[in-house]
């Protein structure tokens, strides 16, 4: 009986811990199992309240064993009022006989410097892309078989073909039928190393049905370019 009273008192404390955590974040109390351990339940409520997961199902899946481990990136405020980026990893290491989680372990890494670097890289890439799109020339890249892998916005301005509709398609598809044999011959010579560069005039088919005369310049890219 004494142990039963202790267990009941502990259970009440755990329920109170879940409710307190939920109240802090203004969330309803939800449990994935009837006998969910309160410690993990409180952690799930906290994770959703801190926006570590979009909703309860995602938090439950990651923190209650439906997935082998959880991995999230989130921000926390330090004592100085600064927001720091944290990368959290964890997993359940102990379970009750019914399979519900009892104990979790994990670790946090402070990744603010990496996040700043990633943001700077995105800004640089966006600026670089804008510079390429503002050029009057059509800049492109193909794979070894001649399929488009990159086109700047000038391609659409010049031909009317949308970039996303053109990518992945063979370059010769947009070339006038009379110009394709010579272009394919030059492309093979370039890929086989017989030519260092191509300079050739071709007709590109516009989406409006009219051809545009273009001067084609191509060279192979080395690894890392």
C-alpha atoms as a PDB file:
ATOM      1  CA  UNK A   1       0.000   0.000   0.000  1.00  0.00           C
ATOM      2  CA  UNK A   2       2.839   2.355   0.865  1.00  0.00           C
ATOM      3  CA  UNK A   3       4.397   1.763  -2.564  1.00  0.00           C
ATOM      4  CA  UNK A   4       1.023   2.233  -4.213  1.00  0.00           C
ATOM      5  CA  UNK A   5       0.588   5.617  -2.509  1.00  0.00           C
ATOM      6  CA  UNK A   6       4.106   6.635  -3.607  1.00  0.00           C
ATOM      7  CA  UNK A   7       3.413   5.545  -7.170  1.00  0.00           C
ATOM      8  CA  UNK A   8       0.113   7.430  -7.234  1.00  0.00           C
ATOM      9  CA  UNK A   9       1.770  10.553  -5.824  1.00  0.00           C
ATOM     10  CA  UNK A  10       4.526  10.322  -8.406  1.00  0.00           C
ATOM     11  CA  UNK A  11       1.951   9.876 -11.127  1.00  0.00           C
ATOM     12  CA  UNK A  12       0.126  13.002  -9.983  1.00  0.00           C
ATOM     13  CA  UNK A  13       3.397  14.941 -10.049  1.00  0.00           C
ATOM     14  CA  UNK A  14       4.086  13.750 -13.577  1.00  0.00           C
ATOM     15  CA  UNK A  15       0.623  14.733 -14.758  1.00  0.00           C
ATOM     16  CA  UNK A  16       1.124  18.140 -13.131  1.00  0.00           C
ATOM     17  CA  UNK A  17       4.479  18.477 -14.935  1.00  0.00           C
ATOM     18  CA  UNK A  18       2.819  17.824 -18.291  1.00  0.00           C
ATOM     19  CA  UNK A  19      -0.006  20.261 -17.570  1.00  0.00           C
ATOM     20  CA  UNK A  20       2.406  22.946 -16.362  1.00  0.00           C
ATOM     21  CA  UNK A  21       4.532  22.604 -19.498  1.00  0.00           C
ATOM     22  CA  UNK A  22       1.454  22.745 -21.709  1.00  0.00           C
ATOM     23  CA  UNK A  23       0.147  25.824 -19.881  1.00  0.00           C
ATOM     24  CA  UNK A  24       3.456  27.648 -20.371  1.00  0.00           C
ATOM     25  CA  UNK A  25       3.130  27.307 -24.132  1.00  0.00           C
ATOM     26  CA  UNK A  26      -0.657  27.561 -24.302  1.00  0.00           C
ATOM     27  CA  UNK A  27      -1.057  24.036 -25.647  1.00  0.00           C
ATOM     28  CA  UNK A  28      -3.536  21.249 -24.956  1.00  0.00           C
ATOM     29  CA  UNK A  29      -2.296  18.144 -23.197  1.00  0.00           C
ATOM     30  CA  UNK A  30      -2.008  15.281 -25.653  1.00  0.00           C
ATOM     31  CA  UNK A  31      -0.516  11.828 -25.082  1.00  0.00           C
ATOM     32  CA  UNK A  32       0.405   9.213 -27.693  1.00  0.00           C
ATOM     33  CA  UNK A  33      -0.359   6.334 -25.246  1.00  0.00           C
ATOM     34  CA  UNK A  34      -2.657   5.979 -22.249  1.00  0.00           C
ATOM     35  CA  UNK A  35       0.355   5.121 -20.082  1.00  0.00           C
ATOM     36  CA  UNK A  36       2.809   7.549 -21.692  1.00  0.00           C
ATOM     37  CA  UNK A  37       5.539   8.457 -19.215  1.00  0.00           C
ATOM     38  CA  UNK A  38       5.104  12.017 -18.046  1.00  0.00           C
ATOM     39  CA  UNK A  39       8.729  13.014 -18.509  1.00  0.00           C
ATOM     40  CA  UNK A  40       8.621  12.245 -22.226  1.00  0.00           C
ATOM     41  CA  UNK A  41       5.116  13.721 -22.445  1.00  0.00           C
ATOM     42  CA  UNK A  42       6.363  16.990 -20.982  1.00  0.00           C
ATOM     43  CA  UNK A  43       9.286  16.944 -23.404  1.00  0.00           C
ATOM     44  CA  UNK A  44       6.877  16.467 -26.313  1.00  0.00           C
ATOM     45  CA  UNK A  45       4.723  19.385 -25.142  1.00  0.00           C
ATOM     46  CA  UNK A  46       7.834  21.527 -24.786  1.00  0.00           C
ATOM     47  CA  UNK A  47       9.144  20.531 -28.215  1.00  0.00           C
ATOM     48  CA  UNK A  48       5.911  21.595 -29.907  1.00  0.00           C
ATOM     49  CA  UNK A  49       5.703  24.783 -27.851  1.00  0.00           C
ATOM     50  CA  UNK A  50       9.239  25.732 -28.872  1.00  0.00           C
ATOM     51  CA  UNK A  51       8.377  25.020 -32.536  1.00  0.00           C
ATOM     52  CA  UNK A  52      10.939  22.244 -32.735  1.00  0.00           C
ATOM     53  CA  UNK A  53       8.242  20.225 -34.500  1.00  0.00           C
ATOM     54  CA  UNK A  54       5.310  21.466 -36.533  1.00  0.00           C
ATOM     55  CA  UNK A  55       2.707  19.504 -34.580  1.00  0.00           C
ATOM     56  CA  UNK A  56       2.182  16.774 -32.003  1.00  0.00           C
ATOM     57  CA  UNK A  57       2.239  13.825 -34.433  1.00  0.00           C
ATOM     58  CA  UNK A  58       5.728  14.772 -35.653  1.00  0.00           C
ATOM     59  CA  UNK A  59       6.994  15.288 -32.108  1.00  0.00           C
ATOM     60  CA  UNK A  60       5.483  12.021 -30.910  1.00  0.00           C
ATOM     61  CA  UNK A  61       6.944  10.082 -33.837  1.00  0.00           C
ATOM     62  CA  UNK A  62      10.427  11.475 -33.232  1.00  0.00           C
ATOM     63  CA  UNK A  63      10.454  11.385 -29.443  1.00  0.00           C
ATOM     64  CA  UNK A  64       8.391   8.304 -28.647  1.00  0.00           C
ATOM     65  CA  UNK A  65      10.231   5.717 -30.665  1.00  0.00           C
ATOM     66  CA  UNK A  66       8.288   5.668 -33.952  1.00  0.00           C
ATOM     67  CA  UNK A  67      11.545   6.849 -35.477  1.00  0.00           C
ATOM     68  CA  UNK A  68      15.004   5.634 -34.302  1.00  0.00           C
ATOM     69  CA  UNK A  69      16.121   9.116 -33.252  1.00  0.00           C
ATOM     70  CA  UNK A  70      15.210  12.752 -33.555  1.00  0.00           C
ATOM     71  CA  UNK A  71      17.237  15.542 -35.127  1.00  0.00           C
ATOM     72  CA  UNK A  72      16.055  19.150 -35.225  1.00  0.00           C
ATOM     73  CA  UNK A  73      17.573  22.602 -35.597  1.00  0.00           C
ATOM     74  CA  UNK A  74      16.029  25.396 -33.552  1.00  0.00           C
ATOM     75  CA  UNK A  75      16.795  28.679 -31.827  1.00  0.00           C
ATOM     76  CA  UNK A  76      17.032  29.418 -28.102  1.00  0.00           C
ATOM     77  CA  UNK A  77      17.516  32.723 -26.311  1.00  0.00           C
ATOM     78  CA  UNK A  78      20.515  33.022 -23.982  1.00  0.00           C
ATOM     79  CA  UNK A  79      20.721  35.099 -20.795  1.00  0.00           C
ATOM     80  CA  UNK A  80      21.962  38.077 -22.795  1.00  0.00           C
ATOM     81  CA  UNK A  81      18.822  38.016 -24.938  1.00  0.00           C
ATOM     82  CA  UNK A  82      20.595  36.712 -28.041  1.00  0.00           C
ATOM     83  CA  UNK A  83      19.072  33.988 -30.198  1.00  0.00           C
ATOM     84  CA  UNK A  84      21.405  31.033 -30.774  1.00  0.00           C
ATOM     85  CA  UNK A  85      20.955  28.218 -33.260  1.00  0.00           C
ATOM     86  CA  UNK A  86      20.994  24.768 -31.663  1.00  0.00           C
ATOM     87  CA  UNK A  87      21.180  21.362 -33.338  1.00  0.00           C
ATOM     88  CA  UNK A  88      19.528  18.706 -31.164  1.00  0.00           C
ATOM     89  CA  UNK A  89      19.967  14.938 -31.385  1.00  0.00           C
ATOM     90  CA  UNK A  90      18.371  12.320 -29.170  1.00  0.00           C
ATOM     91  CA  UNK A  91      16.781   8.922 -28.831  1.00  0.00           C
ATOM     92  CA  UNK A  92      14.857   6.778 -26.364  1.00  0.00           C
ATOM     93  CA  UNK A  93      17.154   4.449 -24.368  1.00  0.00           C
ATOM     94  CA  UNK A  94      14.740   2.904 -21.879  1.00  0.00           C
ATOM     95  CA  UNK A  95      11.164   1.717 -22.195  1.00  0.00           C
ATOM     96  CA  UNK A  96       8.437   0.377 -19.963  1.00  0.00           C
ATOM     97  CA  UNK A  97       7.156  -3.183 -20.539  1.00  0.00           C
ATOM     98  CA  UNK A  98       4.291  -1.794 -22.636  1.00  0.00           C
ATOM     99  CA  UNK A  99       6.813  -0.177 -24.976  1.00  0.00           C
ATOM    100  CA  UNK A 100       6.257   3.431 -23.937  1.00  0.00           C
ATOM    101  CA  UNK A 101       9.333   5.605 -23.510  1.00  0.00           C
ATOM    102  CA  UNK A 102      10.833   5.973 -20.037  1.00  0.00           C
ATOM    103  CA  UNK A 103      14.185   7.689 -20.562  1.00  0.00           C
ATOM    104  CA  UNK A 104      15.835   9.671 -23.368  1.00  0.00           C
ATOM    105  CA  UNK A 105      19.376  10.780 -23.990  1.00  0.00           C
ATOM    106  CA  UNK A 106      20.705  13.326 -26.440  1.00  0.00           C
ATOM    107  CA  UNK A 107      22.982  16.240 -26.982  1.00  0.00           C
ATOM    108  CA  UNK A 108      22.864  19.792 -28.331  1.00  0.00           C
ATOM    109  CA  UNK A 109      25.362  21.568 -30.557  1.00  0.00           C
ATOM    110  CA  UNK A 110      25.609  25.347 -30.903  1.00  0.00           C
ATOM    111  CA  UNK A 111      25.609  25.982 -34.682  1.00  0.00           C
ATOM    112  CA  UNK A 112      25.091  29.754 -34.935  1.00  0.00           C
ATOM    113  CA  UNK A 113      28.348  30.248 -36.841  1.00  0.00           C
ATOM    114  CA  UNK A 114      27.369  27.591 -39.367  1.00  0.00           C
ATOM    115  CA  UNK A 115      23.943  29.182 -39.803  1.00  0.00           C
ATOM    116  CA  UNK A 116      25.497  32.593 -40.439  1.00  0.00           C
ATOM    117  CA  UNK A 117      27.817  31.044 -43.020  1.00  0.00           C
ATOM    118  CA  UNK A 118      24.902  29.271 -44.726  1.00  0.00           C
ATOM    119  CA  UNK A 119      22.914  32.526 -44.829  1.00  0.00           C
ATOM    120  CA  UNK A 120      25.871  34.389 -46.311  1.00  0.00           C
ATOM    121  CA  UNK A 121      26.314  31.661 -48.912  1.00  0.00           C
ATOM    122  CA  UNK A 122      22.624  31.843 -49.870  1.00  0.00           C
ATOM    123  CA  UNK A 123      22.883  35.607 -50.248  1.00  0.00           C
ATOM    124  CA  UNK A 124      25.994  35.264 -52.409  1.00  0.00           C
ATOM    125  CA  UNK A 125      24.339  32.619 -54.575  1.00  0.00           C
ATOM    126  CA  UNK A 126      21.218  34.768 -54.974  1.00  0.00           C
ATOM    127  CA  UNK A 127      23.355  37.751 -55.978  1.00  0.00           C
ATOM    128  CA  UNK A 128      25.336  35.625 -58.410  1.00  0.00           C
ATOM    129  CA  UNK A 129      22.138  34.252 -59.953  1.00  0.00           C
ATOM    130  CA  UNK A 130      20.736  37.779 -60.319  1.00  0.00           C
ATOM    131  CA  UNK A 131      23.908  38.919 -62.100  1.00  0.00           C
ATOM    132  CA  UNK A 132      23.649  35.990 -64.534  1.00  0.00           C
ATOM    133  CA  UNK A 133      19.966  36.640 -65.179  1.00  0.00           C
ATOM    134  CA  UNK A 134      20.647  40.313 -65.931  1.00  0.00           C
ATOM    135  CA  UNK A 135      23.138  39.480 -68.693  1.00  0.00           C
ATOM    136  CA  UNK A 136      22.061  39.901 -72.304  1.00  0.00           C
ATOM    137  CA  UNK A 137      23.654  36.598 -73.343  1.00  0.00           C
ATOM    138  CA  UNK A 138      22.102  33.184 -72.868  1.00  0.00           C
ATOM    139  CA  UNK A 139      24.275  31.325 -70.374  1.00  0.00           C
ATOM    140  CA  UNK A 140      23.795  27.579 -70.192  1.00  0.00           C
ATOM    141  CA  UNK A 141      25.262  24.312 -68.998  1.00  0.00           C
ATOM    142  CA  UNK A 142      24.625  20.794 -70.280  1.00  0.00           C
ATOM    143  CA  UNK A 143      25.543  17.318 -69.178  1.00  0.00           C
ATOM    144  CA  UNK A 144      27.800  15.089 -71.259  1.00  0.00           C
ATOM    145  CA  UNK A 145      24.869  14.019 -73.440  1.00  0.00           C
ATOM    146  CA  UNK A 146      23.816  17.574 -74.281  1.00  0.00           C
ATOM    147  CA  UNK A 147      20.813  17.927 -71.950  1.00  0.00           C
ATOM    148  CA  UNK A 148      20.309  21.352 -70.387  1.00  0.00           C
ATOM    149  CA  UNK A 149      21.240  21.482 -66.684  1.00  0.00           C
ATOM    150  CA  UNK A 150      21.279  25.283 -66.347  1.00  0.00           C
ATOM    151  CA  UNK A 151      19.843  28.236 -68.274  1.00  0.00           C
ATOM    152  CA  UNK A 152      19.671  31.857 -67.220  1.00  0.00           C
ATOM    153  CA  UNK A 153      16.540  33.990 -67.587  1.00  0.00           C
ATOM    154  CA  UNK A 154      17.752  35.483 -70.877  1.00  0.00           C
ATOM    155  CA  UNK A 155      16.856  32.176 -72.530  1.00  0.00           C
ATOM    156  CA  UNK A 156      13.189  32.824 -71.839  1.00  0.00           C
ATOM    157  CA  UNK A 157      13.400  36.467 -72.897  1.00  0.00           C
ATOM    158  CA  UNK A 158      14.999  35.489 -76.192  1.00  0.00           C
ATOM    159  CA  UNK A 159      13.084  32.341 -77.161  1.00  0.00           C
ATOM    160  CA  UNK A 160       9.919  32.388 -75.066  1.00  0.00           C
ATOM    161  CA  UNK A 161      10.678  28.919 -73.665  1.00  0.00           C
ATOM    162  CA  UNK A 162      10.426  28.733 -69.870  1.00  0.00           C
ATOM    163  CA  UNK A 163      13.638  27.710 -68.137  1.00  0.00           C
ATOM    164  CA  UNK A 164      11.997  25.040 -65.970  1.00  0.00           C
ATOM    165  CA  UNK A 165      10.357  23.498 -69.044  1.00  0.00           C
ATOM    166  CA  UNK A 166      13.658  23.436 -70.930  1.00  0.00           C
ATOM    167  CA  UNK A 167      15.927  21.960 -68.278  1.00  0.00           C
ATOM    168  CA  UNK A 168      16.623  18.257 -68.692  1.00  0.00           C
ATOM    169  CA  UNK A 169      15.764  18.325 -72.387  1.00  0.00           C
ATOM    170  CA  UNK A 170      18.313  17.858 -75.210  1.00  0.00           C
ATOM    171  CA  UNK A 171      19.836  21.074 -76.454  1.00  0.00           C
ATOM    172  CA  UNK A 172      19.368  19.991 -80.089  1.00  0.00           C
ATOM    173  CA  UNK A 173      15.604  19.859 -79.532  1.00  0.00           C
ATOM    174  CA  UNK A 174      15.614  23.667 -79.727  1.00  0.00           C
ATOM    175  CA  UNK A 175      17.877  23.858 -82.784  1.00  0.00           C
ATOM    176  CA  UNK A 176      16.576  24.138 -86.363  1.00  0.00           C
ATOM    177  CA  UNK A 177      16.501  20.662 -87.993  1.00  0.00           C
ATOM    178  CA  UNK A 178      18.889  21.767 -90.767  1.00  0.00           C
ATOM    179  CA  UNK A 179      21.460  22.900 -88.182  1.00  0.00           C
ATOM    180  CA  UNK A 180      21.317  19.853 -85.904  1.00  0.00           C
ATOM    181  CA  UNK A 181      23.688  17.454 -87.748  1.00  0.00           C
ATOM    182  CA  UNK A 182      26.592  19.906 -87.728  1.00  0.00           C
ATOM    183  CA  UNK A 183      25.927  20.951 -84.135  1.00  0.00           C
ATOM    184  CA  UNK A 184      25.833  17.311 -82.966  1.00  0.00           C
ATOM    185  CA  UNK A 185      29.053  16.599 -84.862  1.00  0.00           C
ATOM    186  CA  UNK A 186      30.775  19.510 -83.108  1.00  0.00           C
ATOM    187  CA  UNK A 187      29.340  18.459 -79.750  1.00  0.00           C
ATOM    188  CA  UNK A 188      30.736  14.933 -80.116  1.00  0.00           C
ATOM    189  CA  UNK A 189      34.129  16.311 -81.063  1.00  0.00           C
ATOM    190  CA  UNK A 190      34.056  18.534 -77.986  1.00  0.00           C
ATOM    191  CA  UNK A 191      33.146  15.728 -75.586  1.00  0.00           C
ATOM    192  CA  UNK A 192      35.780  13.428 -77.124  1.00  0.00           C
ATOM    193  CA  UNK A 193      38.477  16.041 -76.593  1.00  0.00           C
ATOM    194  CA  UNK A 194      39.057  16.690 -80.299  1.00  0.00           C
ATOM    195  CA  UNK A 195      38.019  20.327 -79.860  1.00  0.00           C
ATOM    196  CA  UNK A 196      38.741  22.717 -76.993  1.00  0.00           C
ATOM    197  CA  UNK A 197      35.890  25.072 -77.831  1.00  0.00           C
ATOM    198  CA  UNK A 198      32.937  25.430 -80.187  1.00  0.00           C
ATOM    199  CA  UNK A 199      32.022  28.637 -82.008  1.00  0.00           C
ATOM    200  CA  UNK A 200      29.208  28.053 -84.424  1.00  0.00           C
ATOM    201  CA  UNK A 201      26.125  29.878 -85.711  1.00  0.00           C
ATOM    202  CA  UNK A 202      22.800  28.079 -85.319  1.00  0.00           C
ATOM    203  CA  UNK A 203      19.114  28.840 -85.519  1.00  0.00           C
ATOM    204  CA  UNK A 204      17.162  28.401 -82.295  1.00  0.00           C
ATOM    205  CA  UNK A 205      13.437  27.755 -82.510  1.00  0.00           C
ATOM    206  CA  UNK A 206      11.383  30.268 -80.566  1.00  0.00           C
ATOM    207  CA  UNK A 207       8.156  29.314 -78.855  1.00  0.00           C
ATOM    208  CA  UNK A 208       6.319  31.638 -81.242  1.00  0.00           C
ATOM    209  CA  UNK A 209       7.428  29.507 -84.207  1.00  0.00           C
ATOM    210  CA  UNK A 210      10.099  31.914 -85.458  1.00  0.00           C
ATOM    211  CA  UNK A 211      13.834  31.159 -85.518  1.00  0.00           C
ATOM    212  CA  UNK A 212      16.543  33.243 -83.864  1.00  0.00           C
ATOM    213  CA  UNK A 213      20.093  33.246 -85.191  1.00  0.00           C
ATOM    214  CA  UNK A 214      22.522  32.642 -82.361  1.00  0.00           C
ATOM    215  CA  UNK A 215      26.259  32.327 -82.088  1.00  0.00           C
ATOM    216  CA  UNK A 216      26.916  29.193 -80.049  1.00  0.00           C
ATOM    217  CA  UNK A 217      30.020  29.126 -77.867  1.00  0.00           C
ATOM    218  CA  UNK A 218      30.778  26.045 -75.800  1.00  0.00           C
ATOM    219  CA  UNK A 219      33.718  24.577 -73.932  1.00  0.00           C
ATOM    220  CA  UNK A 220      33.976  21.568 -71.625  1.00  0.00           C
ATOM    221  CA  UNK A 221      34.031  22.159 -67.876  1.00  0.00           C
ATOM    222  CA  UNK A 222      36.688  20.531 -65.765  1.00  0.00           C
ATOM    223  CA  UNK A 223      35.943  18.996 -62.379  1.00  0.00           C
ATOM    224  CA  UNK A 224      35.328  21.726 -59.823  1.00  0.00           C
ATOM    225  CA  UNK A 225      34.308  24.393 -62.328  1.00  0.00           C
END
